[in-house]
């Protein structure tokens, strides 16, 4: 049974930073691609970032240049750092591995 638990969300002011974490159990995050998606109120899901099993990374246009996805094999966790946060980054952020999804973590960017 694969479980993914996101954490690190919260309320942050515009221009601030957050580091989201996705802790996995039941499967190694290094064995498959892990994606971060987000869904803002009233909008569809948007791909934010991907880290491949070989370590390659890909970013959505909305966060490119101000985010970093990384992997810690020792703790079986994938992190997503987003800097210079904007109000339009407000969303629930989900991580996925294969067909499994976490419950999401809320990020709210507001002054």
N, C-alpha and C. Protein backbone atom coordinates (compact mmCIF):
# COMPACT_ATOMS: atom_id res chain seq x y z
N UNK A 1 0.83 -1.18 0.00
CA UNK A 1 0.00 0.00 0.00
C UNK A 1 0.88 1.25 0.00
N UNK A 2 0.68 2.10 -0.99
CA UNK A 2 1.46 3.32 -1.10
C UNK A 2 0.69 4.45 -0.43
N UNK A 3 1.38 5.21 0.40
CA UNK A 3 0.78 6.39 1.01
C UNK A 3 1.69 7.60 0.78
N UNK A 4 1.06 8.71 0.48
CA UNK A 4 1.77 9.97 0.28
C UNK A 4 1.17 11.00 1.22
N UNK A 5 2.02 11.67 1.97
CA UNK A 5 1.56 12.66 2.93
C UNK A 5 2.28 13.98 2.66
N UNK A 6 1.50 14.99 2.26
CA UNK A 6 2.07 16.30 2.01
C UNK A 6 2.06 17.14 3.29
N UNK A 7 3.01 18.02 3.38
CA UNK A 7 3.07 18.95 4.51
C UNK A 7 3.81 20.21 4.07
N UNK A 8 3.76 21.22 4.93
CA UNK A 8 4.53 22.43 4.66
C UNK A 8 3.72 23.61 4.15
N UNK A 9 2.45 23.38 3.87
CA UNK A 9 1.62 24.48 3.40
C UNK A 9 1.30 25.45 4.53
N UNK A 10 0.66 26.53 4.16
CA UNK A 10 0.28 27.51 5.16
C UNK A 10 -0.03 28.85 4.53
N UNK A 11 -0.12 29.86 5.38
CA UNK A 11 -0.38 31.23 4.93
C UNK A 11 0.95 31.97 4.85
N UNK A 12 1.21 32.56 3.71
CA UNK A 12 2.46 33.28 3.53
C UNK A 12 2.17 34.57 2.77
N UNK A 13 2.97 35.57 3.05
CA UNK A 13 2.79 36.86 2.37
C UNK A 13 3.39 36.81 0.97
N UNK A 14 2.88 37.61 0.07
CA UNK A 14 3.48 37.69 -1.27
C UNK A 14 4.97 38.00 -1.17
N UNK A 15 5.72 37.30 -2.00
CA UNK A 15 7.17 37.44 -1.97
C UNK A 15 7.86 36.45 -1.06
N UNK A 16 7.10 35.76 -0.26
CA UNK A 16 7.68 34.80 0.66
C UNK A 16 7.97 33.47 -0.01
N UNK A 17 8.40 32.52 0.80
CA UNK A 17 8.78 31.20 0.29
C UNK A 17 8.14 30.11 1.14
N UNK A 18 7.99 28.96 0.52
CA UNK A 18 7.51 27.79 1.23
C UNK A 18 8.26 26.58 0.72
N UNK A 19 8.43 25.62 1.60
CA UNK A 19 9.00 24.34 1.21
C UNK A 19 7.98 23.27 1.55
N UNK A 20 7.42 22.68 0.51
CA UNK A 20 6.45 21.61 0.69
C UNK A 20 7.17 20.27 0.68
N UNK A 21 6.63 19.34 1.43
CA UNK A 21 7.22 18.00 1.50
C UNK A 21 6.18 16.95 1.18
N UNK A 22 6.63 15.90 0.56
CA UNK A 22 5.78 14.76 0.23
C UNK A 22 6.50 13.51 0.75
N UNK A 23 6.01 12.99 1.86
CA UNK A 23 6.62 11.81 2.46
C UNK A 23 5.89 10.58 1.95
N UNK A 24 6.66 9.66 1.39
CA UNK A 24 6.08 8.46 0.80
C UNK A 24 6.39 7.24 1.64
N UNK A 25 5.46 6.30 1.63
CA UNK A 25 5.68 4.99 2.23
C UNK A 25 5.10 3.94 1.30
N UNK A 26 5.71 2.80 1.28
CA UNK A 26 5.23 1.71 0.44
C UNK A 26 5.87 1.64 -0.93
N UNK A 27 6.59 2.68 -1.30
CA UNK A 27 7.32 2.69 -2.57
C UNK A 27 8.40 3.77 -2.49
N UNK A 28 9.52 3.45 -3.07
CA UNK A 28 10.62 4.41 -3.04
C UNK A 28 10.37 5.55 -4.03
N UNK A 29 10.55 6.78 -3.58
CA UNK A 29 10.36 7.93 -4.47
C UNK A 29 11.40 7.95 -5.58
N UNK A 30 12.49 7.20 -5.38
CA UNK A 30 13.53 7.15 -6.40
C UNK A 30 13.21 6.15 -7.50
N UNK A 31 12.14 5.39 -7.33
CA UNK A 31 11.84 4.32 -8.29
C UNK A 31 10.96 4.78 -9.44
N UNK A 32 10.26 5.88 -9.24
CA UNK A 32 9.32 6.35 -10.27
C UNK A 32 9.28 7.87 -10.27
N UNK A 33 8.61 8.40 -11.29
CA UNK A 33 8.42 9.85 -11.32
C UNK A 33 7.48 10.27 -10.18
N UNK A 34 7.78 11.41 -9.60
CA UNK A 34 6.91 12.02 -8.60
C UNK A 34 6.54 13.41 -9.10
N UNK A 35 5.26 13.69 -9.08
CA UNK A 35 4.79 14.98 -9.56
C UNK A 35 4.13 15.78 -8.44
N UNK A 36 4.22 17.07 -8.56
CA UNK A 36 3.43 17.99 -7.74
C UNK A 36 2.42 18.66 -8.67
N UNK A 37 1.17 18.62 -8.25
CA UNK A 37 0.10 19.33 -8.93
C UNK A 37 -0.50 20.34 -7.94
N UNK A 38 -1.24 21.26 -8.46
CA UNK A 38 -1.99 22.17 -7.60
C UNK A 38 -3.36 22.43 -8.22
N UNK A 39 -4.28 22.77 -7.35
CA UNK A 39 -5.63 23.10 -7.81
C UNK A 39 -6.12 24.31 -7.03
N UNK A 40 -6.36 25.38 -7.75
CA UNK A 40 -6.89 26.59 -7.16
C UNK A 40 -8.42 26.53 -7.17
N UNK A 41 -9.06 27.29 -6.31
CA UNK A 41 -10.52 27.27 -6.26
C UNK A 41 -11.12 27.60 -7.63
N UNK A 42 -12.02 26.73 -8.09
CA UNK A 42 -12.71 26.98 -9.34
C UNK A 42 -11.90 26.69 -10.58
N UNK A 43 -10.70 26.12 -10.40
CA UNK A 43 -9.84 25.84 -11.56
C UNK A 43 -9.48 24.37 -11.60
N UNK A 44 -8.96 23.96 -12.73
CA UNK A 44 -8.53 22.58 -12.89
C UNK A 44 -7.16 22.35 -12.29
N UNK A 45 -6.75 21.09 -12.26
CA UNK A 45 -5.44 20.75 -11.72
C UNK A 45 -4.35 21.18 -12.69
N UNK A 46 -3.28 21.67 -12.13
CA UNK A 46 -2.17 22.20 -12.91
C UNK A 46 -0.89 21.49 -12.47
N UNK A 47 -0.11 21.02 -13.44
CA UNK A 47 1.17 20.42 -13.12
C UNK A 47 2.15 21.51 -12.68
N UNK A 48 2.77 21.29 -11.53
CA UNK A 48 3.72 22.27 -11.00
C UNK A 48 5.16 21.83 -11.27
N UNK A 49 5.47 20.59 -10.93
CA UNK A 49 6.85 20.12 -11.09
C UNK A 49 6.88 18.60 -11.09
N UNK A 50 7.92 18.07 -11.72
CA UNK A 50 8.13 16.63 -11.79
C UNK A 50 9.60 16.35 -11.51
N UNK A 51 9.84 15.28 -10.76
CA UNK A 51 11.20 14.77 -10.65
C UNK A 51 11.16 13.32 -11.09
N UNK A 52 11.97 13.01 -12.10
CA UNK A 52 12.00 11.67 -12.64
C UNK A 52 12.83 10.73 -11.78
N UNK A 53 12.68 9.44 -12.06
CA UNK A 53 13.40 8.45 -11.24
C UNK A 53 14.90 8.55 -11.46
N UNK A 54 15.31 9.17 -12.56
CA UNK A 54 16.74 9.39 -12.78
C UNK A 54 17.19 10.76 -12.27
N UNK A 55 16.26 11.49 -11.68
CA UNK A 55 16.61 12.79 -11.10
C UNK A 55 16.38 13.99 -11.99
N UNK A 56 15.92 13.75 -13.21
CA UNK A 56 15.63 14.89 -14.08
C UNK A 56 14.40 15.64 -13.56
N UNK A 57 14.37 16.92 -13.81
CA UNK A 57 13.28 17.75 -13.30
C UNK A 57 12.61 18.53 -14.42
N UNK A 58 11.36 18.86 -14.17
CA UNK A 58 10.58 19.64 -15.12
C UNK A 58 9.64 20.51 -14.33
N UNK A 59 9.42 21.74 -14.81
CA UNK A 59 8.59 22.69 -14.08
C UNK A 59 7.50 23.26 -14.97
N UNK A 60 6.36 23.53 -14.36
CA UNK A 60 5.32 24.22 -15.08
C UNK A 60 5.69 25.67 -15.30
N UNK A 61 5.14 26.26 -16.33
CA UNK A 61 5.49 27.63 -16.68
C UNK A 61 5.19 28.61 -15.55
N UNK A 62 4.18 28.32 -14.77
CA UNK A 62 3.77 29.26 -13.73
C UNK A 62 4.78 29.38 -12.58
N UNK A 63 5.62 28.38 -12.41
CA UNK A 63 6.59 28.41 -11.30
C UNK A 63 8.03 28.32 -11.79
N UNK A 64 8.21 28.19 -13.08
CA UNK A 64 9.55 28.04 -13.62
C UNK A 64 10.42 29.23 -13.24
N UNK A 65 11.61 28.95 -12.77
CA UNK A 65 12.55 30.01 -12.39
C UNK A 65 12.47 30.41 -10.94
N UNK A 66 11.46 29.98 -10.24
CA UNK A 66 11.34 30.33 -8.83
C UNK A 66 10.96 29.13 -7.97
N UNK A 67 11.13 27.94 -8.51
CA UNK A 67 10.84 26.75 -7.71
C UNK A 67 11.90 25.68 -7.96
N UNK A 68 12.04 24.79 -6.97
CA UNK A 68 12.99 23.70 -7.06
C UNK A 68 12.35 22.45 -6.48
N UNK A 69 12.37 21.39 -7.25
CA UNK A 69 11.91 20.09 -6.75
C UNK A 69 13.15 19.25 -6.48
N UNK A 70 13.13 18.56 -5.36
CA UNK A 70 14.28 17.75 -4.98
C UNK A 70 13.80 16.50 -4.27
N UNK A 71 14.73 15.57 -4.10
CA UNK A 71 14.38 14.28 -3.53
C UNK A 71 15.40 13.90 -2.47
N UNK A 72 14.90 13.38 -1.37
CA UNK A 72 15.76 12.87 -0.31
C UNK A 72 15.49 11.38 -0.20
N UNK A 73 16.38 10.59 -0.77
CA UNK A 73 16.17 9.14 -0.77
C UNK A 73 16.23 8.55 0.63
N UNK A 74 17.01 9.14 1.49
CA UNK A 74 17.16 8.59 2.84
C UNK A 74 15.86 8.66 3.63
N UNK A 75 15.08 9.71 3.41
CA UNK A 75 13.81 9.85 4.12
C UNK A 75 12.62 9.54 3.22
N UNK A 76 12.91 9.17 1.97
CA UNK A 76 11.86 8.84 1.01
C UNK A 76 10.86 9.99 0.86
N UNK A 77 11.41 11.17 0.69
CA UNK A 77 10.61 12.38 0.65
C UNK A 77 10.98 13.22 -0.57
N UNK A 78 9.98 13.83 -1.17
CA UNK A 78 10.21 14.78 -2.25
C UNK A 78 9.80 16.17 -1.75
N UNK A 79 10.66 17.15 -2.00
CA UNK A 79 10.39 18.51 -1.56
C UNK A 79 10.13 19.42 -2.76
N UNK A 80 9.32 20.42 -2.51
CA UNK A 80 9.08 21.45 -3.52
C UNK A 80 9.25 22.81 -2.85
N UNK A 81 10.27 23.51 -3.26
CA UNK A 81 10.52 24.85 -2.76
C UNK A 81 9.98 25.86 -3.77
N UNK A 82 9.17 26.78 -3.31
CA UNK A 82 8.68 27.85 -4.19
C UNK A 82 9.03 29.18 -3.55
N UNK A 83 9.70 30.00 -4.32
CA UNK A 83 10.11 31.32 -3.86
C UNK A 83 9.27 32.40 -4.53
N UNK A 84 9.38 33.60 -4.00
CA UNK A 84 8.67 34.74 -4.57
C UNK A 84 7.19 34.40 -4.81
N UNK A 85 6.55 33.90 -3.79
CA UNK A 85 5.17 33.46 -3.92
C UNK A 85 4.25 34.61 -4.28
N UNK A 86 3.25 34.30 -5.09
CA UNK A 86 2.28 35.27 -5.58
C UNK A 86 0.88 34.84 -5.17
N UNK A 87 -0.05 35.76 -5.08
CA UNK A 87 -1.42 35.36 -4.73
C UNK A 87 -1.98 34.27 -5.65
N UNK A 88 -1.56 34.28 -6.90
CA UNK A 88 -2.06 33.25 -7.82
C UNK A 88 -1.47 31.87 -7.57
N UNK A 89 -0.52 31.77 -6.63
CA UNK A 89 -0.01 30.47 -6.23
C UNK A 89 -0.92 29.81 -5.19
N UNK A 90 -1.92 30.53 -4.73
CA UNK A 90 -2.86 29.98 -3.76
C UNK A 90 -3.58 28.79 -4.35
N UNK A 91 -3.48 27.65 -3.67
CA UNK A 91 -4.06 26.42 -4.18
C UNK A 91 -3.81 25.31 -3.17
N UNK A 92 -4.44 24.18 -3.41
CA UNK A 92 -4.08 22.96 -2.71
C UNK A 92 -3.03 22.26 -3.56
N UNK A 93 -1.95 21.88 -2.92
CA UNK A 93 -0.84 21.23 -3.61
C UNK A 93 -0.85 19.74 -3.28
N UNK A 94 -0.77 18.94 -4.33
CA UNK A 94 -0.80 17.50 -4.20
C UNK A 94 0.47 16.89 -4.79
N UNK A 95 0.93 15.83 -4.18
CA UNK A 95 1.99 15.05 -4.83
C UNK A 95 1.39 13.72 -5.29
N UNK A 96 1.97 13.21 -6.34
CA UNK A 96 1.50 11.94 -6.90
C UNK A 96 2.68 11.06 -7.24
N UNK A 97 2.48 9.79 -7.10
CA UNK A 97 3.46 8.77 -7.48
C UNK A 97 2.66 7.64 -8.10
N UNK A 98 2.97 7.36 -9.37
CA UNK A 98 2.19 6.36 -10.11
C UNK A 98 0.71 6.79 -10.07
N UNK A 99 -0.16 5.99 -9.60
CA UNK A 99 -1.58 6.33 -9.56
C UNK A 99 -2.02 6.84 -8.19
N UNK A 100 -1.07 7.00 -7.30
CA UNK A 100 -1.39 7.38 -5.93
C UNK A 100 -1.27 8.89 -5.72
N UNK A 101 -2.21 9.40 -4.93
CA UNK A 101 -2.23 10.82 -4.61
C UNK A 101 -2.25 11.01 -3.09
N UNK A 102 -1.63 12.10 -2.67
CA UNK A 102 -1.75 12.47 -1.28
C UNK A 102 -3.03 13.25 -1.04
N UNK A 103 -3.23 13.68 0.20
CA UNK A 103 -4.45 14.40 0.55
C UNK A 103 -4.34 15.89 0.26
N UNK A 104 -3.15 16.35 -0.01
CA UNK A 104 -2.95 17.75 -0.35
C UNK A 104 -2.59 18.62 0.83
N UNK A 105 -1.96 19.73 0.55
CA UNK A 105 -1.63 20.72 1.57
C UNK A 105 -1.99 22.10 1.01
N UNK A 106 -2.66 22.89 1.84
CA UNK A 106 -3.16 24.18 1.38
C UNK A 106 -2.06 25.24 1.45
N UNK A 107 -1.91 25.96 0.38
CA UNK A 107 -1.01 27.12 0.34
C UNK A 107 -1.86 28.35 0.05
N UNK A 108 -1.76 29.33 0.92
CA UNK A 108 -2.48 30.58 0.73
C UNK A 108 -1.48 31.73 0.74
N UNK A 109 -1.49 32.50 -0.31
CA UNK A 109 -0.58 33.63 -0.42
C UNK A 109 -1.41 34.90 -0.36
N UNK A 110 -1.26 35.62 0.72
CA UNK A 110 -2.07 36.81 0.94
C UNK A 110 -1.40 37.73 1.94
N UNK A 111 -1.62 39.01 1.75
CA UNK A 111 -1.10 39.98 2.72
C UNK A 111 -2.15 40.31 3.77
